[in-house]
Amino acid sequence: MKLRKLKFLVAGLLGAIALQPASLFACAACYGASDSAMAKGMNWGILSLLGVVVMVLGTVASFFVFIGKKAAAAAHEEQRAELTAKTEPTQNS
């Protein structure tokens, strides 16, 4: 029973410490001079990742445009073949 009370007390103290309002500290890259080498490196890293995401999304979009054009061309060819088959005279032997 004493162990249970001790666990409850420790959990309560940890909860009180975790919920205590205090000032938060930013990381070394975010806090401080914005023209430091670390901030510049972080900015380049963000831009690089953004560039990769844009290229991947652009590739996926261009693939779907390619598929759409291919499907439209196939549908056009099918319609053209049907019209040609209807207008050609049939030969009776």
C-alpha atoms as a PDB file:
ATOM      1  CA  MET A   1       0.000   0.000   0.000  1.00  0.00           C
ATOM      2  CA  LYS A   2       2.902   2.326   0.725  1.00  0.00           C
ATOM      3  CA  LEU A   3       4.360   1.695  -2.756  1.00  0.00           C
ATOM      4  CA  ARG A   4       1.052   2.633  -4.343  1.00  0.00           C
ATOM      5  CA  LYS A   5       0.972   5.940  -2.453  1.00  0.00           C
ATOM      6  CA  LEU A   6       4.568   6.635  -3.454  1.00  0.00           C
ATOM      7  CA  LYS A   7       3.781   5.988  -7.139  1.00  0.00           C
ATOM      8  CA  PHE A   8       0.759   8.271  -6.920  1.00  0.00           C
ATOM      9  CA  LEU A   9       2.845  10.984  -5.240  1.00  0.00           C
ATOM     10  CA  VAL A  10       5.631  10.738  -7.830  1.00  0.00           C
ATOM     11  CA  ALA A  11       3.118  10.810 -10.704  1.00  0.00           C
ATOM     12  CA  GLY A  12       1.417  13.841  -9.179  1.00  0.00           C
ATOM     13  CA  LEU A  13       4.709  15.696  -8.741  1.00  0.00           C
ATOM     14  CA  LEU A  14       5.821  14.899 -12.282  1.00  0.00           C
ATOM     15  CA  GLY A  15       2.456  16.058 -13.605  1.00  0.00           C
ATOM     16  CA  ALA A  16       2.680  19.294 -11.623  1.00  0.00           C
ATOM     17  CA  ILE A  17       6.193  19.947 -12.904  1.00  0.00           C
ATOM     18  CA  ALA A  18       5.204  19.189 -16.496  1.00  0.00           C
ATOM     19  CA  LEU A  19       2.156  21.476 -16.343  1.00  0.00           C
ATOM     20  CA  GLN A  20       3.940  24.338 -14.590  1.00  0.00           C
ATOM     21  CA  PRO A  21       4.008  27.400 -16.838  1.00  0.00           C
ATOM     22  CA  ALA A  22       7.561  28.438 -17.597  1.00  0.00           C
ATOM     23  CA  SER A  23       9.289  30.183 -20.403  1.00  0.00           C
ATOM     24  CA  LEU A  24      10.253  27.872 -23.229  1.00  0.00           C
ATOM     25  CA  PHE A  25      13.598  27.981 -24.919  1.00  0.00           C
ATOM     26  CA  ALA A  26      13.940  27.739 -28.665  1.00  0.00           C
ATOM     27  CA  CYS A  27      16.541  25.556 -30.285  1.00  0.00           C
ATOM     28  CA  ALA A  28      19.949  26.975 -31.142  1.00  0.00           C
ATOM     29  CA  ALA A  29      19.004  27.343 -34.817  1.00  0.00           C
ATOM     30  CA  CYS A  30      15.827  29.346 -34.137  1.00  0.00           C
ATOM     31  CA  TYR A  31      16.966  31.382 -31.157  1.00  0.00           C
ATOM     32  CA  GLY A  32      19.540  34.070 -31.696  1.00  0.00           C
ATOM     33  CA  ALA A  33      20.944  35.841 -34.693  1.00  0.00           C
ATOM     34  CA  SER A  34      19.047  35.221 -37.892  1.00  0.00           C
ATOM     35  CA  ASP A  35      22.142  35.883 -40.009  1.00  0.00           C
ATOM     36  CA  SER A  36      24.295  33.227 -38.354  1.00  0.00           C
ATOM     37  CA  ALA A  37      25.749  30.339 -40.331  1.00  0.00           C
ATOM     38  CA  MET A  38      23.410  27.859 -38.641  1.00  0.00           C
ATOM     39  CA  ALA A  39      20.310  29.871 -39.588  1.00  0.00           C
ATOM     40  CA  LYS A  40      21.535  30.203 -43.175  1.00  0.00           C
ATOM     41  CA  GLY A  41      22.175  26.464 -43.334  1.00  0.00           C
ATOM     42  CA  MET A  42      18.711  25.737 -41.992  1.00  0.00           C
ATOM     43  CA  ASN A  43      17.170  28.057 -44.590  1.00  0.00           C
ATOM     44  CA  TRP A  44      19.066  26.283 -47.387  1.00  0.00           C
ATOM     45  CA  GLY A  45      17.937  22.933 -46.014  1.00  0.00           C
ATOM     46  CA  ILE A  46      14.311  24.066 -46.037  1.00  0.00           C
ATOM     47  CA  LEU A  47      14.623  25.373 -49.589  1.00  0.00           C
ATOM     48  CA  SER A  48      16.288  22.141 -50.737  1.00  0.00           C
ATOM     49  CA  LEU A  49      13.523  20.009 -49.265  1.00  0.00           C
ATOM     50  CA  LEU A  50      10.899  22.299 -50.753  1.00  0.00           C
ATOM     51  CA  GLY A  51      12.569  21.947 -54.152  1.00  0.00           C
ATOM     52  CA  VAL A  52      12.494  18.147 -53.895  1.00  0.00           C
ATOM     53  CA  VAL A  53       8.809  18.171 -52.963  1.00  0.00           C
ATOM     54  CA  VAL A  54       7.961  20.491 -55.873  1.00  0.00           C
ATOM     55  CA  MET A  55       9.875  18.277 -58.322  1.00  0.00           C
ATOM     56  CA  VAL A  56       8.151  15.104 -57.112  1.00  0.00           C
ATOM     57  CA  LEU A  57       4.687  16.685 -57.270  1.00  0.00           C
ATOM     58  CA  GLY A  58       5.473  18.120 -60.700  1.00  0.00           C
ATOM     59  CA  THR A  59       6.543  14.694 -61.928  1.00  0.00           C
ATOM     60  CA  VAL A  60       3.340  13.095 -60.652  1.00  0.00           C
ATOM     61  CA  ALA A  61       1.227  15.845 -62.240  1.00  0.00           C
ATOM     62  CA  SER A  62       3.023  15.542 -65.580  1.00  0.00           C
ATOM     63  CA  PHE A  63       2.495  11.773 -65.512  1.00  0.00           C
ATOM     64  CA  PHE A  64      -1.259  12.267 -65.167  1.00  0.00           C
ATOM     65  CA  VAL A  65      -1.249  14.861 -67.961  1.00  0.00           C
ATOM     66  CA  PHE A  66       0.615  12.345 -70.146  1.00  0.00           C
ATOM     67  CA  ILE A  67      -1.944   9.625 -69.326  1.00  0.00           C
ATOM     68  CA  GLY A  68      -4.819  12.033 -70.085  1.00  0.00           C
ATOM     69  CA  LYS A  69      -3.367  12.987 -73.461  1.00  0.00           C
ATOM     70  CA  LYS A  70      -2.743   9.336 -74.306  1.00  0.00           C
ATOM     71  CA  ALA A  71      -6.336   8.418 -73.397  1.00  0.00           C
ATOM     72  CA  ALA A  72      -7.731  11.316 -75.471  1.00  0.00           C
ATOM     73  CA  ALA A  73      -5.631  10.268 -78.469  1.00  0.00           C
ATOM     74  CA  ALA A  74      -6.791   6.650 -78.124  1.00  0.00           C
ATOM     75  CA  ALA A  75     -10.438   7.743 -77.919  1.00  0.00           C
ATOM     76  CA  HIS A  76      -9.975   9.947 -81.001  1.00  0.00           C
ATOM     77  CA  GLU A  77      -8.411   7.060 -82.934  1.00  0.00           C
ATOM     78  CA  GLU A  78     -11.271   4.776 -81.914  1.00  0.00           C
ATOM     79  CA  GLN A  79     -13.881   7.280 -83.119  1.00  0.00           C
ATOM     80  CA  ARG A  80     -11.987   7.767 -86.356  1.00  0.00           C
ATOM     81  CA  ALA A  81     -11.838   4.002 -86.937  1.00  0.00           C
ATOM     82  CA  GLU A  82     -15.582   3.693 -86.308  1.00  0.00           C
ATOM     83  CA  LEU A  83     -16.370   6.493 -88.765  1.00  0.00           C
ATOM     84  CA  THR A  84     -14.074   4.991 -91.370  1.00  0.00           C
ATOM     85  CA  ALA A  85     -15.692   1.579 -90.958  1.00  0.00           C
ATOM     86  CA  LYS A  86     -19.172   3.081 -91.383  1.00  0.00           C
ATOM     87  CA  THR A  87     -18.352   5.110 -94.499  1.00  0.00           C
ATOM     88  CA  GLU A  88     -16.353   2.499 -96.396  1.00  0.00           C
ATOM     89  CA  PRO A  89     -18.378   0.598 -98.969  1.00  0.00           C
ATOM     90  CA  THR A  90     -18.749  -3.091 -98.325  1.00  0.00           C
ATOM     91  CA  GLN A  91     -17.804  -5.528-101.044  1.00  0.00           C
ATOM     92  CA  ASN A  92     -20.269  -8.301-101.748  1.00  0.00           C
ATOM     93  CA  SER A  93     -18.843 -11.380-103.384  1.00  0.00           C
END
